[in-house]
Amino acid sequence: MPLTYIDSSTDAQKLAKETDWIQLGASELFVGSGQKCWLVGDKAVPIFELNQLSEITELA
């Protein structure tokens, strides 16, 4: 699984030591640079901090 966003520019971003968010124009959309994060509730959690990843399958 790739741990950094495409087009990360600084050494710290390329080494997944930091994450920066760049706003796209005047919209509410942002693009990440550096270490990838997942949104868990209201918190951005860096992938390196995940201890376990599980898939939950719900039957209809």
PDB file of N, CA and C in Angstrom:
ATOM      1  N   MET A   1       0.849  -1.164   0.000  1.00  0.00           N
ATOM      2  CA  MET A   1       0.000   0.000   0.000  1.00  0.00           C
ATOM      3  C   MET A   1       0.901   1.235   0.000  1.00  0.00           C
ATOM      4  N   PRO A   2       0.744   2.120  -0.982  1.00  0.00           N
ATOM      5  CA  PRO A   2       1.542   3.348  -0.998  1.00  0.00           C
ATOM      6  C   PRO A   2       1.259   4.191   0.248  1.00  0.00           C
ATOM      7  N   LEU A   3       2.309   4.740   0.839  1.00  0.00           N
ATOM      8  CA  LEU A   3       2.153   5.498   2.078  1.00  0.00           C
ATOM      9  C   LEU A   3       2.231   7.005   1.890  1.00  0.00           C
ATOM     10  N   THR A   4       2.556   7.457   0.678  1.00  0.00           N
ATOM     11  CA  THR A   4       2.623   8.898   0.443  1.00  0.00           C
ATOM     12  C   THR A   4       1.730   9.279  -0.737  1.00  0.00           C
ATOM     13  N   TYR A   5       1.264  10.529  -0.705  1.00  0.00           N
ATOM     14  CA  TYR A   5       0.454  11.061  -1.794  1.00  0.00           C
ATOM     15  C   TYR A   5       1.346  11.361  -2.997  1.00  0.00           C
ATOM     16  N   ILE A   6       0.782  11.239  -4.200  1.00  0.00           N
ATOM     17  CA  ILE A   6       1.494  11.589  -5.430  1.00  0.00           C
ATOM     18  C   ILE A   6       1.831  13.076  -5.389  1.00  0.00           C
ATOM     19  N   ASP A   7       2.947  13.444  -5.973  1.00  0.00           N
ATOM     20  CA  ASP A   7       3.412  14.836  -6.076  1.00  0.00           C
ATOM     21  C   ASP A   7       3.857  15.423  -4.742  1.00  0.00           C
ATOM     22  N   SER A   8       4.228  14.576  -3.772  1.00  0.00           N
ATOM     23  CA  SER A   8       4.834  15.093  -2.544  1.00  0.00           C
ATOM     24  C   SER A   8       6.162  15.728  -2.937  1.00  0.00           C
ATOM     25  N   SER A   9       6.451  16.930  -2.409  1.00  0.00           N
ATOM     26  CA  SER A   9       7.604  17.673  -2.922  1.00  0.00           C
ATOM     27  C   SER A   9       8.789  17.754  -1.964  1.00  0.00           C
ATOM     28  N   THR A  10       8.570  17.948  -0.679  1.00  0.00           N
ATOM     29  CA  THR A  10       9.700  18.101   0.242  1.00  0.00           C
ATOM     30  C   THR A  10      10.231  16.729   0.655  1.00  0.00           C
ATOM     31  N   ASP A  11      11.462  16.703   1.163  1.00  0.00           N
ATOM     32  CA  ASP A  11      12.043  15.438   1.632  1.00  0.00           C
ATOM     33  C   ASP A  11      11.193  14.828   2.739  1.00  0.00           C
ATOM     34  N   ALA A  12      10.707  15.655   3.664  1.00  0.00           N
ATOM     35  CA  ALA A  12       9.881  15.153   4.773  1.00  0.00           C
ATOM     36  C   ALA A  12       8.591  14.528   4.251  1.00  0.00           C
ATOM     37  N   GLN A  13       7.999  15.128   3.233  1.00  0.00           N
ATOM     38  CA  GLN A  13       6.784  14.566   2.641  1.00  0.00           C
ATOM     39  C   GLN A  13       7.089  13.248   1.939  1.00  0.00           C
ATOM     40  N   LYS A  14       8.167  13.200   1.171  1.00  0.00           N
ATOM     41  CA  LYS A  14       8.536  11.984   0.441  1.00  0.00           C
ATOM     42  C   LYS A  14       8.882  10.838   1.384  1.00  0.00           C
ATOM     43  N   LEU A  15       9.405  11.158   2.566  1.00  0.00           N
ATOM     44  CA  LEU A  15       9.743  10.139   3.563  1.00  0.00           C
ATOM     45  C   LEU A  15       8.578   9.848   4.502  1.00  0.00           C
ATOM     46  N   ALA A  16       7.418  10.424   4.220  1.00  0.00           N
ATOM     47  CA  ALA A  16       6.196  10.235   5.020  1.00  0.00           C
ATOM     48  C   ALA A  16       6.382  10.689   6.464  1.00  0.00           C
ATOM     49  N   LYS A  17       7.105  11.788   6.643  1.00  0.00           N
ATOM     50  CA  LYS A  17       7.323  12.350   7.981  1.00  0.00           C
ATOM     51  C   LYS A  17       6.341  13.470   8.295  1.00  0.00           C
ATOM     52  N   GLU A  18       5.633  13.966   7.270  1.00  0.00           N
ATOM     53  CA  GLU A  18       4.662  15.035   7.485  1.00  0.00           C
ATOM     54  C   GLU A  18       3.549  14.926   6.448  1.00  0.00           C
ATOM     55  N   THR A  19       2.428  15.563   6.761  1.00  0.00           N
ATOM     56  CA  THR A  19       1.296  15.642   5.837  1.00  0.00           C
ATOM     57  C   THR A  19       0.856  17.095   5.762  1.00  0.00           C
ATOM     58  N   ASP A  20       0.680  17.593   4.551  1.00  0.00           N
ATOM     59  CA  ASP A  20       0.181  18.948   4.338  1.00  0.00           C
ATOM     60  C   ASP A  20      -1.058  18.862   3.460  1.00  0.00           C
ATOM     61  N   TRP A  21      -1.960  19.810   3.634  1.00  0.00           N
ATOM     62  CA  TRP A  21      -3.204  19.848   2.865  1.00  0.00           C
ATOM     63  C   TRP A  21      -3.246  21.130   2.067  1.00  0.00           C
ATOM     64  N   ILE A  22      -3.524  21.023   0.753  1.00  0.00           N
ATOM     65  CA  ILE A  22      -3.567  22.165  -0.151  1.00  0.00           C
ATOM     66  C   ILE A  22      -4.994  22.311  -0.664  1.00  0.00           C
ATOM     67  N   GLN A  23      -5.584  23.487  -0.423  1.00  0.00           N
ATOM     68  CA  GLN A  23      -6.960  23.741  -0.852  1.00  0.00           C
ATOM     69  C   GLN A  23      -7.003  23.959  -2.356  1.00  0.00           C
ATOM     70  N   LEU A  24      -8.001  23.358  -3.004  1.00  0.00           N
ATOM     71  CA  LEU A  24      -8.181  23.508  -4.448  1.00  0.00           C
ATOM     72  C   LEU A  24      -9.075  24.711  -4.726  1.00  0.00           C
ATOM     73  N   GLY A  25      -8.454  25.830  -5.067  1.00  0.00           N
ATOM     74  CA  GLY A  25      -9.195  27.051  -5.364  1.00  0.00           C
ATOM     75  C   GLY A  25     -10.023  27.509  -4.187  1.00  0.00           C
ATOM     76  N   ALA A  26     -11.252  27.958  -4.476  1.00  0.00           N
ATOM     77  CA  ALA A  26     -12.142  28.448  -3.423  1.00  0.00           C
ATOM     78  C   ALA A  26     -13.079  27.348  -2.930  1.00  0.00           C
ATOM     79  N   SER A  27     -12.882  26.133  -3.423  1.00  0.00           N
ATOM     80  CA  SER A  27     -13.773  25.029  -3.046  1.00  0.00           C
ATOM     81  C   SER A  27     -13.428  24.497  -1.658  1.00  0.00           C
ATOM     82  N   GLU A  28     -14.218  23.552  -1.197  1.00  0.00           N
ATOM     83  CA  GLU A  28     -13.950  22.903   0.087  1.00  0.00           C
ATOM     84  C   GLU A  28     -13.175  21.605  -0.110  1.00  0.00           C
ATOM     85  N   LEU A  29     -12.540  21.451  -1.272  1.00  0.00           N
ATOM     86  CA  LEU A  29     -11.747  20.263  -1.571  1.00  0.00           C
ATOM     87  C   LEU A  29     -10.276  20.526  -1.279  1.00  0.00           C
ATOM     88  N   PHE A  30      -9.594  19.511  -0.741  1.00  0.00           N
ATOM     89  CA  PHE A  30      -8.179  19.609  -0.421  1.00  0.00           C
ATOM     90  C   PHE A  30      -7.437  18.414  -1.007  1.00  0.00           C
ATOM     91  N   VAL A  31      -6.158  18.623  -1.337  1.00  0.00           N
ATOM     92  CA  VAL A  31      -5.288  17.566  -1.835  1.00  0.00           C
ATOM     93  C   VAL A  31      -4.173  17.383  -0.818  1.00  0.00           C
ATOM     94  N   GLY A  32      -3.840  16.131  -0.523  1.00  0.00           N
ATOM     95  CA  GLY A  32      -2.792  15.849   0.444  1.00  0.00           C
ATOM     96  C   GLY A  32      -1.421  15.753  -0.195  1.00  0.00           C
ATOM     97  N   SER A  33      -0.393  16.108   0.582  1.00  0.00           N
ATOM     98  CA  SER A  33       1.011  15.919   0.223  1.00  0.00           C
ATOM     99  C   SER A  33       1.691  15.279   1.417  1.00  0.00           C
ATOM    100  N   GLY A  34       2.564  14.317   1.154  1.00  0.00           N
ATOM    101  CA  GLY A  34       3.272  13.650   2.246  1.00  0.00           C
ATOM    102  C   GLY A  34       2.610  12.341   2.619  1.00  0.00           C
ATOM    103  N   GLN A  35       2.653  12.002   3.917  1.00  0.00           N
ATOM    104  CA  GLN A  35       2.106  10.735   4.404  1.00  0.00           C
ATOM    105  C   GLN A  35       0.588  10.701   4.250  1.00  0.00           C
ATOM    106  N   LYS A  36       0.091   9.592   3.732  1.00  0.00           N
ATOM    107  CA  LYS A  36      -1.358   9.434   3.576  1.00  0.00           C
ATOM    108  C   LYS A  36      -2.025   9.310   4.936  1.00  0.00           C
ATOM    109  N   CYS A  37      -3.225   9.860   5.021  1.00  0.00           N
ATOM    110  CA  CYS A  37      -4.044   9.781   6.229  1.00  0.00           C
ATOM    111  C   CYS A  37      -5.432   9.298   5.849  1.00  0.00           C
ATOM    112  N   TRP A  38      -6.092   8.675   6.792  1.00  0.00           N
ATOM    113  CA  TRP A  38      -7.495   8.300   6.633  1.00  0.00           C
ATOM    114  C   TRP A  38      -8.302   9.081   7.640  1.00  0.00           C
ATOM    115  N   LEU A  39      -9.481   9.492   7.243  1.00  0.00           N
ATOM    116  CA  LEU A  39     -10.372  10.215   8.136  1.00  0.00           C
ATOM    117  C   LEU A  39     -11.159   9.203   8.957  1.00  0.00           C
ATOM    118  N   VAL A  40     -10.978   9.259  10.272  1.00  0.00           N
ATOM    119  CA  VAL A  40     -11.679   8.374  11.205  1.00  0.00           C
ATOM    120  C   VAL A  40     -12.484   9.275  12.129  1.00  0.00           C
ATOM    121  N   GLY A  41     -13.794   9.317  11.913  1.00  0.00           N
ATOM    122  CA  GLY A  41     -14.620  10.273  12.650  1.00  0.00           C
ATOM    123  C   GLY A  41     -14.238  11.674  12.211  1.00  0.00           C
ATOM    124  N   ASP A  42     -13.797  12.505  13.150  1.00  0.00           N
ATOM    125  CA  ASP A  42     -13.365  13.871  12.846  1.00  0.00           C
ATOM    126  C   ASP A  42     -11.849  14.006  12.823  1.00  0.00           C
ATOM    127  N   LYS A  43     -11.132  12.898  12.940  1.00  0.00           N
ATOM    128  CA  LYS A  43      -9.679  12.937  13.091  1.00  0.00           C
ATOM    129  C   LYS A  43      -8.986  12.324  11.875  1.00  0.00           C
ATOM    130  N   ALA A  44      -7.930  12.992  11.384  1.00  0.00           N
ATOM    131  CA  ALA A  44      -7.090  12.440  10.322  1.00  0.00           C
ATOM    132  C   ALA A  44      -6.038  11.549  10.977  1.00  0.00           C
ATOM    133  N   VAL A  45      -6.058  10.263  10.652  1.00  0.00           N
ATOM    134  CA  VAL A  45      -5.138   9.295  11.253  1.00  0.00           C
ATOM    135  C   VAL A  45      -4.094   8.889  10.210  1.00  0.00           C
ATOM    136  N   PRO A  46      -2.805   9.164  10.472  1.00  0.00           N
ATOM    137  CA  PRO A  46      -1.758   8.737   9.545  1.00  0.00           C
ATOM    138  C   PRO A  46      -1.731   7.210   9.433  1.00  0.00           C
ATOM    139  N   ILE A  47      -1.503   6.711   8.218  1.00  0.00           N
ATOM    140  CA  ILE A  47      -1.500   5.264   7.998  1.00  0.00           C
ATOM    141  C   ILE A  47      -0.481   4.565   8.889  1.00  0.00           C
ATOM    142  N   PHE A  48       0.671   5.196   9.154  1.00  0.00           N
ATOM    143  CA  PHE A  48       1.691   4.576  10.005  1.00  0.00           C
ATOM    144  C   PHE A  48       1.193   4.317  11.425  1.00  0.00           C
ATOM    145  N   GLU A  49       0.148   5.014  11.863  1.00  0.00           N
ATOM    146  CA  GLU A  49      -0.368   4.826  13.218  1.00  0.00           C
ATOM    147  C   GLU A  49      -1.396   3.707  13.320  1.00  0.00           C
ATOM    148  N   LEU A  50      -1.780   3.114  12.186  1.00  0.00           N
ATOM    149  CA  LEU A  50      -2.749   2.016  12.222  1.00  0.00           C
ATOM    150  C   LEU A  50      -2.091   0.761  12.779  1.00  0.00           C
ATOM    151  N   ASN A  51      -2.764   0.111  13.714  1.00  0.00           N
ATOM    152  CA  ASN A  51      -2.266  -1.135  14.282  1.00  0.00           C
ATOM    153  C   ASN A  51      -2.907  -2.343  13.628  1.00  0.00           C
ATOM    154  N   GLN A  52      -4.145  -2.192  13.189  1.00  0.00           N
ATOM    155  CA  GLN A  52      -4.871  -3.302  12.599  1.00  0.00           C
ATOM    156  C   GLN A  52      -5.844  -2.756  11.568  1.00  0.00           C
ATOM    157  N   LEU A  53      -5.959  -3.466  10.448  1.00  0.00           N
ATOM    158  CA  LEU A  53      -6.883  -3.090   9.391  1.00  0.00           C
ATOM    159  C   LEU A  53      -7.758  -4.298   9.106  1.00  0.00           C
ATOM    160  N   SER A  54      -9.057  -4.136   9.266  1.00  0.00           N
ATOM    161  CA  SER A  54      -9.991  -5.248   9.077  1.00  0.00           C
ATOM    162  C   SER A  54     -11.071  -4.856   8.090  1.00  0.00           C
ATOM    163  N   GLU A  55     -11.570  -5.843   7.373  1.00  0.00           N
ATOM    164  CA  GLU A  55     -12.683  -5.626   6.461  1.00  0.00           C
ATOM    165  C   GLU A  55     -13.937  -6.203   7.094  1.00  0.00           C
ATOM    166  N   ILE A  56     -14.997  -5.421   7.101  1.00  0.00           N
ATOM    167  CA  ILE A  56     -16.277  -5.874   7.647  1.00  0.00           C
ATOM    168  C   ILE A  56     -17.237  -6.032   6.481  1.00  0.00           C
ATOM    169  N   THR A  57     -17.795  -7.211   6.354  1.00  0.00           N
ATOM    170  CA  THR A  57     -18.746  -7.490   5.286  1.00  0.00           C
ATOM    171  C   THR A  57     -20.126  -7.636   5.887  1.00  0.00           C
ATOM    172  N   GLU A  58     -21.060  -6.841   5.387  1.00  0.00           N
ATOM    173  CA  GLU A  58     -22.435  -6.922   5.866  1.00  0.00           C
ATOM    174  C   GLU A  58     -23.277  -7.656   4.834  1.00  0.00           C
ATOM    175  N   LEU A  59     -24.094  -8.570   5.295  1.00  0.00           N
ATOM    176  CA  LEU A  59     -24.997  -9.292   4.410  1.00  0.00           C
ATOM    177  C   LEU A  59     -26.327  -8.570   4.341  1.00  0.00           C
ATOM    178  N   ALA A  60     -26.865  -8.462   3.135  1.00  0.00           N
ATOM    179  CA  ALA A  60     -28.140  -7.761   2.956  1.00  0.00           C
ATOM    180  C   ALA A  60     -29.309  -8.656   3.290  1.00  0.00           C
TER     181      ALA A  60
END
